[in-house]
C-alpha cells in the first residue's frame, strides 16, 4: 500500500536548509496498522504529511527519496494526480478536530463537500447520515446540522473520522487522534478506529507517543528520533524486548499499572534542533549507554533478524 524509501525532507534552501527527515524508510501492507512513535519534534507528523505532499513548497522540498503510494511516486505526481490521491487513496485524521473543522459551516455540509469531490454520485444527506452513524454519532439526522462548536471534543473527532472515510480511502493516517481527549473518550475513539479499519479493510498509519496505544493498535511499530528511524519491529517483539537505547528509555519512562508511587525514569535532555544535530549518533548526548565512538561514528539502520531493524552497533552489548 505504502512504501517510503530513503526520504529526505528539508525546509529552506541553500546554506539555510534544515533537514527535518533524514533517510526515512517505511512500508505498510494492505490491511496493516503501523504505529510511528517518538517524542515531539522527532519528525513524525512531517513524514506523515509528506505522504500526500501536504507540506507547502516552498519552504519544504525533497532532495531525495521516494514515496510510493500504491506504486505511484507521490514526489513526481502532477497536481491533478495529487488531487486524486488526496482523499481518494489516503485520508487524514488530525489531532485537533476543533482546529481542523471549518467553524462557519455545518458538519453535514463539510462531509458532503468531500463526497462531491471524490464520490459525487453519493453526495446526499442519506450518505452523510450513514457516515455519521458509522462513526457512532447518535441522532445523526439532527447532528448533521450542527456547527463544530456545538459538539464535544469526542464528537468532533468522530466527525473528522467520518470526513476522512467519506472518500473511501485505502490508507488512513491518524496523527495523534486522541490528543486533548479524556481517557474514556480516547478509548472509544481507538476502539472505533480499530473496528472501522477491520470492517472497511483499510491500512492505517497511527502516529502516537503513547506506548499503551501502540500495544493495543499496532501490527508493527517504527520508533523515530531526530528525523531518523532508530528501530522497527513487530509490535509484540519490540515491547517485549526493545533493542535501541532510545526505545528502552521510552518504555522505562512510561508509568505502569500497579507500579506504585515510584519516581518515573526520565530521559535527560531534549530532542536536538534539526538545524544543529550532534555528530555521530543523534541520541548519544542523552544515551546512558553511550560509548566514546558513538559521538564520532554515524550508525546505520541494520536488520538484526527478518523484520527487526535497529540503528545502534551495540544493540546486543551485555545481552
Protein backbone atom coordinates (compact mmCIF):
# COMPACT_ATOMS: atom_id res chain seq x y z
CA UNK A 1 0.00 0.00 0.00
CA UNK A 2 2.73 2.48 1.00
CA UNK A 3 6.49 2.34 0.68
CA UNK A 4 8.74 5.22 1.69
CA UNK A 5 12.36 4.82 0.55
CA UNK A 6 15.23 6.90 1.97
CA UNK A 7 13.08 10.03 2.24
CA UNK A 8 14.88 13.35 2.66
CA UNK A 9 12.85 16.42 3.65
CA UNK A 10 14.30 19.89 4.10
CA UNK A 11 12.88 23.30 4.93
CA UNK A 12 14.56 26.29 3.33
CA UNK A 13 17.27 26.22 0.69
CA UNK A 14 20.99 26.57 0.23
CA UNK A 15 23.09 27.03 3.33
CA UNK A 16 19.96 27.79 5.34
CA UNK A 17 18.29 24.44 4.60
CA UNK A 18 17.26 22.46 7.67
CA UNK A 19 16.83 18.70 7.24
CA UNK A 20 13.79 17.53 9.24
CA UNK A 21 13.60 13.97 7.83
CA UNK A 22 16.83 12.15 7.05
CA UNK A 23 16.74 8.86 5.13
CA UNK A 24 13.44 7.51 6.48
CA UNK A 25 12.20 4.20 5.04
CA UNK A 26 8.80 2.74 5.98
CA UNK A 27 6.28 0.36 4.45
CA UNK A 28 2.65 -0.50 5.15
CA UNK A 29 0.92 -3.53 3.64
CA UNK A 30 -2.76 -3.75 2.78
CA UNK A 31 -4.88 -4.06 5.93
CA UNK A 32 -1.91 -3.40 8.25
CA UNK A 33 -1.54 -0.86 11.06
CA UNK A 34 1.90 0.71 11.51
CA UNK A 35 2.48 2.82 14.62
CA UNK A 36 5.03 5.64 14.36
CA UNK A 37 6.37 6.54 17.81
CA UNK A 38 8.67 9.21 19.18
CA UNK A 39 8.87 12.41 21.18
CA UNK A 40 7.53 15.71 19.87
CA UNK A 41 9.98 17.15 17.36
CA UNK A 42 11.16 13.76 16.07
CA UNK A 43 9.69 14.29 12.59
CA UNK A 44 6.63 12.03 12.78
CA UNK A 45 4.00 14.48 11.57
CA UNK A 46 6.04 15.99 8.72
CA UNK A 47 6.79 12.46 7.50
CA UNK A 48 3.06 11.68 7.52
CA UNK A 49 2.14 14.93 5.77
CA UNK A 50 4.69 14.15 3.07
CA UNK A 51 2.75 11.03 2.05
CA UNK A 52 0.20 13.23 0.24
CA UNK A 53 2.60 16.19 -0.19
CA UNK A 54 0.54 18.40 2.09
CA UNK A 55 3.52 20.50 3.22
CA UNK A 56 3.72 23.88 1.42
CA UNK A 57 6.58 24.05 -1.06
CA UNK A 58 8.46 26.27 -0.54
CA UNK A 59 9.68 26.11 2.20
CA UNK A 60 9.51 22.27 2.13
CA UNK A 61 11.35 20.35 -0.57
CA UNK A 62 12.53 16.77 -1.08
CA UNK A 63 16.16 16.43 -2.22
CA UNK A 64 15.97 12.63 -2.31
CA UNK A 65 13.92 9.50 -1.76
CA UNK A 66 10.62 8.07 -2.94
CA UNK A 67 7.08 7.87 -1.57
CA UNK A 68 5.28 5.06 -3.39
CA UNK A 69 1.53 5.06 -2.79
CA UNK A 70 0.00 2.03 -4.50
CA UNK A 71 3.11 2.00 -6.71
CA UNK A 72 2.87 5.69 -7.76
CA UNK A 73 5.69 8.01 -6.70
CA UNK A 74 3.93 10.91 -4.95
CA UNK A 75 7.01 13.14 -5.21
CA UNK A 76 6.74 13.05 -9.03
CA UNK A 77 2.95 13.26 -9.27
CA UNK A 78 1.23 16.13 -11.07
CA UNK A 79 -1.28 18.40 -9.36
CA UNK A 80 -4.21 16.54 -10.90
CA UNK A 81 -2.79 13.19 -9.73
CA UNK A 82 -2.29 14.60 -6.23
CA UNK A 83 -5.93 15.69 -6.11
CA UNK A 84 -6.99 12.13 -6.88
CA UNK A 85 -4.60 10.66 -4.29
CA UNK A 86 -5.61 13.06 -1.51
CA UNK A 87 -8.76 11.60 -0.07
CA UNK A 88 -9.22 9.07 -2.86
CA UNK A 89 -6.30 6.90 -1.68
CA UNK A 90 -5.07 8.46 1.56
CA UNK A 91 -7.06 10.44 4.15
CA UNK A 92 -6.02 12.12 7.39
CA UNK A 93 -7.41 12.42 10.89
CA UNK A 94 -5.60 15.22 12.71
CA UNK A 95 -5.06 15.67 16.43
CA UNK A 96 -7.06 18.89 16.88
CA UNK A 97 -10.54 18.42 15.38
CA UNK A 98 -11.66 21.83 16.61
CA UNK A 99 -8.92 23.46 14.54
CA UNK A 100 -9.39 21.19 11.50
CA UNK A 101 -13.15 21.58 11.07
CA UNK A 102 -14.41 24.80 9.49
CA UNK A 103 -16.25 26.73 12.25
CA UNK A 104 -18.64 28.56 9.90
CA UNK A 105 -20.09 25.51 8.08
CA UNK A 106 -22.37 22.82 9.45
CA UNK A 107 -20.65 19.42 9.78
CA UNK A 108 -23.03 17.81 7.29
CA UNK A 109 -22.04 20.34 4.63
CA UNK A 110 -18.35 19.66 5.25
CA UNK A 111 -18.80 15.91 4.83
CA UNK A 112 -20.90 16.46 1.70
CA UNK A 113 -18.13 18.62 0.21
CA UNK A 114 -15.73 15.67 0.44
CA UNK A 115 -18.35 13.42 -1.14
CA UNK A 116 -18.81 15.84 -4.06
CA UNK A 117 -15.07 15.78 -4.74
CA UNK A 118 -14.49 12.03 -4.56
CA UNK A 119 -17.89 10.29 -4.82
CA UNK A 120 -20.27 12.78 -6.46
CA UNK A 121 -22.96 10.14 -7.01
CA UNK A 122 -23.12 9.65 -3.20
CA UNK A 123 -23.25 13.34 -2.20
CA UNK A 124 -26.63 13.09 -0.48
CA UNK A 125 -28.00 13.72 3.00
CA UNK A 126 -28.64 9.98 3.32
CA UNK A 127 -24.93 9.20 2.80
CA UNK A 128 -23.90 11.90 5.29
CA UNK A 129 -26.27 10.39 7.86
CA UNK A 130 -24.91 6.89 7.13
CA UNK A 131 -21.32 8.07 7.70
CA UNK A 132 -22.22 9.81 10.96
CA UNK A 133 -23.97 6.68 12.19
CA UNK A 134 -20.97 4.60 11.07
CA UNK A 135 -18.73 6.53 13.48
CA UNK A 136 -21.20 6.19 16.34
CA UNK A 137 -22.96 9.57 16.39
CA UNK A 138 -26.50 9.24 17.71
CA UNK A 139 -29.34 11.30 16.23
CA UNK A 140 -27.28 11.79 13.07
CA UNK A 141 -30.21 13.41 11.25
CA UNK A 142 -30.12 16.39 13.60
CA UNK A 143 -26.38 16.36 14.34
CA UNK A 144 -25.51 16.89 10.68
CA UNK A 145 -27.00 20.38 11.05
CA UNK A 146 -24.73 21.26 13.99
CA UNK A 147 -21.77 23.59 13.79
CA UNK A 148 -18.48 22.19 15.19
CA UNK A 149 -18.64 24.37 18.32
CA UNK A 150 -21.96 22.77 19.23
CA UNK A 151 -20.25 19.39 19.67
CA UNK A 152 -17.96 17.95 22.32
CA UNK A 153 -14.31 17.18 21.53
CA UNK A 154 -15.01 13.47 21.20
CA UNK A 155 -17.93 14.08 18.85
CA UNK A 156 -15.85 16.48 16.75
CA UNK A 157 -13.21 13.77 16.38
CA UNK A 158 -15.90 11.32 15.24
CA UNK A 159 -16.96 13.86 12.61
CA UNK A 160 -13.32 14.14 11.50
CA UNK A 161 -13.19 10.35 11.09
CA UNK A 162 -16.46 10.40 9.10
CA UNK A 163 -14.98 13.16 6.93
CA UNK A 164 -11.85 11.07 6.31
CA UNK A 165 -13.90 7.96 5.45
CA UNK A 166 -16.27 9.78 3.08
CA UNK A 167 -13.90 9.31 0.14
CA UNK A 168 -13.39 5.59 0.94
CA UNK A 169 -9.59 5.79 1.27
CA UNK A 170 -7.28 2.79 1.19
CA UNK A 171 -4.89 4.32 3.76
CA UNK A 172 -5.91 6.28 6.86
CA UNK A 173 -3.29 8.45 8.56
CA UNK A 174 -4.27 9.19 12.17
CA UNK A 175 -1.95 11.80 13.70
CA UNK A 176 -2.34 11.51 17.48
CA UNK A 177 -6.14 11.34 17.12
CA UNK A 178 -6.79 11.14 20.88
CA UNK A 179 -4.76 14.21 21.98
CA UNK A 180 -6.71 16.53 24.33
CA UNK A 181 -9.47 13.96 24.85
CA UNK A 182 -10.22 12.44 28.26
CA UNK A 183 -9.31 8.82 28.89
CA UNK A 184 -12.79 7.40 28.35
CA UNK A 185 -13.27 9.19 25.02
CA UNK A 186 -9.74 8.19 23.97
CA UNK A 187 -10.63 4.53 24.44
CA UNK A 188 -13.86 4.98 22.44
CA UNK A 189 -12.03 6.66 19.52
CA UNK A 190 -9.36 3.94 19.43
CA UNK A 191 -11.98 1.19 19.51
CA UNK A 192 -13.82 2.96 16.69
CA UNK A 193 -10.67 3.24 14.54
CA UNK A 194 -9.83 -0.42 15.07
CA UNK A 195 -13.38 -1.54 14.25
CA UNK A 196 -13.61 0.63 11.12
CA UNK A 197 -10.21 -0.49 9.83
CA UNK A 198 -11.22 -4.13 10.09
CA UNK A 199 -14.69 -3.58 8.65
CA UNK A 200 -13.53 -1.47 5.69
CA UNK A 201 -10.21 -3.27 5.07
CA UNK A 202 -8.10 -0.12 5.28
CA UNK A 203 -4.43 0.22 6.10
CA UNK A 204 -3.54 2.69 8.85
CA UNK A 205 -0.57 4.79 9.91
CA UNK A 206 -1.08 5.73 13.55
CA UNK A 207 1.18 8.42 14.99
CA UNK A 208 1.43 8.48 18.77
CA UNK A 209 3.79 8.89 21.71
CA UNK A 210 1.64 6.63 23.90
CA UNK A 211 3.12 3.13 24.08
CA UNK A 212 -0.11 1.79 25.57
CA UNK A 213 -1.89 2.73 22.34
CA UNK A 214 0.87 1.01 20.35
CA UNK A 215 0.25 -2.26 22.21
CA UNK A 216 -3.50 -2.07 21.50
CA UNK A 217 -3.46 -0.97 17.88
CA UNK A 218 -0.24 -1.75 16.04
CA UNK A 219 0.78 -4.73 13.94
CA UNK A 220 4.24 -3.19 13.59
CA UNK A 221 5.92 -0.18 15.14
CA UNK A 222 8.66 2.19 13.97
CA UNK A 223 10.45 4.40 16.50
CA UNK A 224 11.59 7.80 15.22
CA UNK A 225 14.17 10.11 16.74
CA UNK A 226 15.65 13.36 15.36
CA UNK A 227 14.41 12.71 11.83
CA UNK A 228 15.56 9.08 11.61
CA UNK A 229 14.05 5.64 12.22
CA UNK A 230 16.04 4.12 15.10
CA UNK A 231 14.12 0.87 15.49
CA UNK A 232 11.38 -1.05 13.67
CA UNK A 233 9.83 -4.37 14.59
CA UNK A 234 6.58 -6.29 15.07
CA UNK A 235 4.79 -4.66 17.99
CA UNK A 236 4.87 -7.59 20.42
CA UNK A 237 8.60 -8.15 19.85
CA UNK A 238 9.51 -4.51 20.32
CA UNK A 239 7.51 -4.09 23.52
CA UNK A 240 8.84 -7.35 24.93
CA UNK A 241 12.49 -6.71 24.04
CA UNK A 242 13.39 -3.22 22.81
CA UNK A 243 16.89 -3.12 21.30
CA UNK A 244 17.74 0.56 20.83
CA UNK A 245 18.62 2.59 23.95
CA UNK A 246 16.08 5.24 22.95
CA UNK A 247 13.26 2.70 22.70
CA UNK A 248 14.31 1.22 26.04
CA UNK A 249 14.27 4.68 27.61
CA UNK A 250 10.79 5.43 26.21
CA UNK A 251 9.39 2.21 27.65
CA UNK A 252 11.07 2.72 31.04
CA UNK A 253 9.73 6.28 31.26
CA UNK A 254 6.10 5.18 30.88
CA UNK A 255 4.02 4.62 34.04
CA UNK A 256 3.00 1.02 34.69
CA UNK A 257 -0.27 -0.22 36.13
CA UNK A 258 0.32 -1.20 39.74
CA UNK A 259 3.76 0.42 39.74
CA UNK A 260 3.11 2.29 42.98
CA UNK A 261 4.42 5.79 43.67
CA UNK A 262 7.96 5.26 42.44
CA UNK A 263 9.54 8.12 40.51
CA UNK A 264 9.49 7.56 36.75
CA UNK A 265 12.77 7.27 34.86
CA UNK A 266 13.12 10.41 32.75
CA UNK A 267 15.19 10.79 29.57
CA UNK A 268 17.73 13.55 30.17
CA UNK A 269 17.83 16.50 27.75
CA UNK A 270 15.62 17.16 24.73
CA UNK A 271 15.32 16.18 21.08
CA UNK A 272 18.04 18.11 19.18
CA UNK A 273 17.15 21.06 16.97
CA UNK A 274 17.06 19.96 13.29
CA UNK A 275 19.43 22.81 12.47
CA UNK A 276 22.12 21.67 14.92
CA UNK A 277 22.25 17.88 15.02
CA UNK A 278 25.06 16.31 17.06
CA UNK A 279 27.79 14.45 15.15
CA UNK A 280 27.65 10.68 15.14
CA UNK A 281 24.66 9.07 16.82
CA UNK A 282 21.93 11.66 17.36
CA UNK A 283 20.83 10.06 20.62
CA UNK A 284 24.38 9.94 22.04
CA UNK A 285 24.13 13.16 24.16
CA UNK A 286 21.13 11.68 26.00
CA UNK A 287 22.11 8.00 25.99
CA UNK A 288 23.01 6.37 29.30
CA UNK A 289 24.83 3.58 27.41
CA UNK A 290 26.87 5.77 25.06
CA UNK A 291 30.49 4.88 24.25
CA UNK A 292 33.27 7.24 23.14
CA UNK A 293 32.98 6.36 19.46
CA UNK A 294 29.21 6.96 19.44
CA UNK A 295 29.86 10.69 19.09
CA UNK A 296 32.08 10.11 16.03
CA UNK A 297 30.54 7.27 14.02
CA UNK A 298 27.15 7.70 12.31
CA UNK A 299 25.25 4.44 12.96
CA UNK A 300 23.41 2.69 10.14
CA UNK A 301 19.99 1.06 10.36
CA UNK A 302 20.77 -2.67 10.36
CA UNK A 303 18.47 -5.68 10.08
CA UNK A 304 19.38 -7.92 13.02
CA UNK A 305 16.75 -10.53 12.06
CA UNK A 306 13.99 -10.63 9.46
CA UNK A 307 11.68 -7.67 10.06
CA UNK A 308 13.73 -6.38 13.01
CA UNK A 309 15.77 -3.20 12.43
CA UNK A 310 17.87 -1.13 14.82
CA UNK A 311 20.19 1.88 14.44
CA UNK A 312 22.82 1.01 17.06
CA UNK A 313 26.00 -1.07 16.62
CA UNK A 314 25.90 -2.00 20.32
CA UNK A 315 22.29 -3.22 20.39
CA UNK A 316 23.39 -6.65 21.64
CA UNK A 317 26.04 -5.49 24.12
CA UNK A 318 25.57 -7.12 27.52
CA UNK A 319 22.80 -9.46 26.31
